[in-house]
C-alpha atoms as a PDB file:
ATOM      1  CA  UNK A   1       0.000   0.000   0.000  1.00  0.00           C
ATOM      2  CA  UNK A   2       2.818   2.446   0.788  1.00  0.00           C
ATOM      3  CA  UNK A   3       4.106   2.005  -2.771  1.00  0.00           C
ATOM      4  CA  UNK A   4       0.790   3.227  -4.214  1.00  0.00           C
ATOM      5  CA  UNK A   5       1.198   6.492  -2.312  1.00  0.00           C
ATOM      6  CA  UNK A   6       4.958   7.009  -2.319  1.00  0.00           C
ATOM      7  CA  UNK A   7       5.497   6.369  -6.045  1.00  0.00           C
ATOM      8  CA  UNK A   8       3.208   9.226  -7.165  1.00  0.00           C
ATOM      9  CA  UNK A   9       4.584  11.524  -4.446  1.00  0.00           C
ATOM     10  CA  UNK A  10       8.116  10.841  -5.660  1.00  0.00           C
ATOM     11  CA  UNK A  11       7.092  11.449  -9.252  1.00  0.00           C
ATOM     12  CA  UNK A  12       5.397  14.740  -8.358  1.00  0.00           C
ATOM     13  CA  UNK A  13       8.371  15.938  -6.288  1.00  0.00           C
ATOM     14  CA  UNK A  14      10.883  14.956  -8.964  1.00  0.00           C
ATOM     15  CA  UNK A  15       9.126  16.863 -11.747  1.00  0.00           C
ATOM     16  CA  UNK A  16       8.836  20.650 -11.529  1.00  0.00           C
ATOM     17  CA  UNK A  17       6.043  20.542 -14.116  1.00  0.00           C
ATOM     18  CA  UNK A  18       3.989  17.933 -12.259  1.00  0.00           C
ATOM     19  CA  UNK A  19       4.630  19.727  -8.987  1.00  0.00           C
ATOM     20  CA  UNK A  20       3.429  23.012 -10.463  1.00  0.00           C
ATOM     21  CA  UNK A  21       0.252  21.427 -11.826  1.00  0.00           C
ATOM     22  CA  UNK A  22      -0.581  19.675  -8.548  1.00  0.00           C
ATOM     23  CA  UNK A  23       0.052  22.787  -6.449  1.00  0.00           C
ATOM     24  CA  UNK A  24      -2.001  24.873  -8.883  1.00  0.00           C
ATOM     25  CA  UNK A  25      -4.943  22.470  -8.694  1.00  0.00           C
ATOM     26  CA  UNK A  26      -4.643  22.319  -4.923  1.00  0.00           C
ATOM     27  CA  UNK A  27      -6.070  25.850  -4.996  1.00  0.00           C
ATOM     28  CA  UNK A  28      -9.076  24.712  -7.053  1.00  0.00           C
ATOM     29  CA  UNK A  29     -10.343  23.421 -10.378  1.00  0.00           C
ATOM     30  CA  UNK A  30      -8.857  24.998 -13.476  1.00  0.00           C
ATOM     31  CA  UNK A  31      -9.197  24.799 -17.227  1.00  0.00           C
ATOM     32  CA  UNK A  32      -6.349  23.751 -19.483  1.00  0.00           C
ATOM     33  CA  UNK A  33      -5.814  27.372 -20.496  1.00  0.00           C
ATOM     34  CA  UNK A  34      -5.801  28.606 -16.892  1.00  0.00           C
ATOM     35  CA  UNK A  35      -3.129  26.076 -15.935  1.00  0.00           C
ATOM     36  CA  UNK A  36      -1.146  26.832 -19.085  1.00  0.00           C
ATOM     37  CA  UNK A  37      -1.125  30.581 -18.407  1.00  0.00           C
ATOM     38  CA  UNK A  38      -0.311  30.194 -14.728  1.00  0.00           C
ATOM     39  CA  UNK A  39       2.612  27.849 -15.333  1.00  0.00           C
ATOM     40  CA  UNK A  40       3.707  29.285 -18.699  1.00  0.00           C
ATOM     41  CA  UNK A  41       3.844  25.848 -20.337  1.00  0.00           C
ATOM     42  CA  UNK A  42       3.462  24.883 -23.974  1.00  0.00           C
ATOM     43  CA  UNK A  43       0.271  23.039 -24.933  1.00  0.00           C
ATOM     44  CA  UNK A  44       2.210  19.891 -25.745  1.00  0.00           C
ATOM     45  CA  UNK A  45       4.105  19.780 -22.446  1.00  0.00           C
ATOM     46  CA  UNK A  46       1.039  20.550 -20.360  1.00  0.00           C
ATOM     47  CA  UNK A  47      -1.017  17.930 -22.185  1.00  0.00           C
ATOM     48  CA  UNK A  48       1.722  15.331 -21.631  1.00  0.00           C
ATOM     49  CA  UNK A  49       1.900  15.981 -17.889  1.00  0.00           C
ATOM     50  CA  UNK A  50      -1.883  16.126 -17.465  1.00  0.00           C
ATOM     51  CA  UNK A  51      -2.187  12.740 -19.155  1.00  0.00           C
ATOM     52  CA  UNK A  52       0.512  11.294 -16.872  1.00  0.00           C
ATOM     53  CA  UNK A  53      -1.089  12.717 -13.717  1.00  0.00           C
ATOM     54  CA  UNK A  54      -4.497  11.453 -14.817  1.00  0.00           C
ATOM     55  CA  UNK A  55      -3.136   7.969 -15.489  1.00  0.00           C
ATOM     56  CA  UNK A  56      -1.553   7.992 -12.011  1.00  0.00           C
ATOM     57  CA  UNK A  57      -4.983   8.799 -10.530  1.00  0.00           C
ATOM     58  CA  UNK A  58      -3.861  12.196  -9.222  1.00  0.00           C
ATOM     59  CA  UNK A  59      -6.262  14.319 -11.246  1.00  0.00           C
ATOM     60  CA  UNK A  60      -9.353  14.041 -13.388  1.00  0.00           C
ATOM     61  CA  UNK A  61     -11.496  16.206 -15.656  1.00  0.00           C
ATOM     62  CA  UNK A  62     -14.797  17.543 -14.417  1.00  0.00           C
ATOM     63  CA  UNK A  63     -18.054  17.721 -16.365  1.00  0.00           C
ATOM     64  CA  UNK A  64     -17.267  21.410 -16.892  1.00  0.00           C
ATOM     65  CA  UNK A  65     -14.042  20.476 -18.741  1.00  0.00           C
ATOM     66  CA  UNK A  66     -11.831  21.607 -15.883  1.00  0.00           C
ATOM     67  CA  UNK A  67      -9.073  19.687 -14.175  1.00  0.00           C
ATOM     68  CA  UNK A  68      -9.331  18.826 -10.499  1.00  0.00           C
ATOM     69  CA  UNK A  69      -7.405  16.727  -8.025  1.00  0.00           C
ATOM     70  CA  UNK A  70      -8.925  13.384  -7.100  1.00  0.00           C
ATOM     71  CA  UNK A  71      -9.259  12.548  -3.409  1.00  0.00           C
ATOM     72  CA  UNK A  72      -5.946  10.698  -3.690  1.00  0.00           C
ATOM     73  CA  UNK A  73      -4.500  13.684  -5.532  1.00  0.00           C
ATOM     74  CA  UNK A  74      -5.596  15.986  -2.710  1.00  0.00           C
ATOM     75  CA  UNK A  75      -3.874  13.720  -0.207  1.00  0.00           C
ATOM     76  CA  UNK A  76      -0.721  13.734  -2.312  1.00  0.00           C
ATOM     77  CA  UNK A  77      -0.893  17.534  -2.692  1.00  0.00           C
ATOM     78  CA  UNK A  78      -1.174  17.915   1.085  1.00  0.00           C
ATOM     79  CA  UNK A  79       1.748  15.541   1.685  1.00  0.00           C
ATOM     80  CA  UNK A  80       3.884  17.269  -0.952  1.00  0.00           C
ATOM     81  CA  UNK A  81       3.085  20.652   0.612  1.00  0.00           C
ATOM     82  CA  UNK A  82       4.109  19.315   4.027  1.00  0.00           C
ATOM     83  CA  UNK A  83       7.372  17.943   2.606  1.00  0.00           C
ATOM     84  CA  UNK A  84       8.167  21.277   0.943  1.00  0.00           C
ATOM     85  CA  UNK A  85       7.415  23.229   4.143  1.00  0.00           C
ATOM     86  CA  UNK A  86       9.558  20.893   6.235  1.00  0.00           C
ATOM     87  CA  UNK A  87      12.394  21.084   3.710  1.00  0.00           C
ATOM     88  CA  UNK A  88      12.278  24.876   3.892  1.00  0.00           C
ATOM     89  CA  UNK A  89      12.429  24.777   7.704  1.00  0.00           C
ATOM     90  CA  UNK A  90      15.443  22.464   7.584  1.00  0.00           C
ATOM     91  CA  UNK A  91      17.133  24.693   5.001  1.00  0.00           C
ATOM     92  CA  UNK A  92      16.550  27.784   7.140  1.00  0.00           C
ATOM     93  CA  UNK A  93      17.962  26.026  10.206  1.00  0.00           C
ATOM     94  CA  UNK A  94      21.074  24.974   8.275  1.00  0.00           C
ATOM     95  CA  UNK A  95      20.293  21.272   8.659  1.00  0.00           C
ATOM     96  CA  UNK A  96      19.668  20.880   4.942  1.00  0.00           C
ATOM     97  CA  UNK A  97      21.896  22.368   2.258  1.00  0.00           C
ATOM     98  CA  UNK A  98      20.090  24.923   0.211  1.00  0.00           C
END
């Protein structure tokens, strides 16, 4: 069970594009164009990462043609946010190189 959660978290953290998409959607549902403008991504790159995140069960499309995090995606977004906050604290304290 841990693998099902940790694999997507690792993939999100290791990809700035996936991380940006997940953190953007953590703030609410967005259209393709809204995500594209916010993250300044090409259509092709954004489409690629949206497909990957959808296949990993992290996001889905709504009936209104917007993208939204699934319940698992919300959990991952919360965990990723916690990891980023903790990393920043460690960096500020000098316990993690920055």
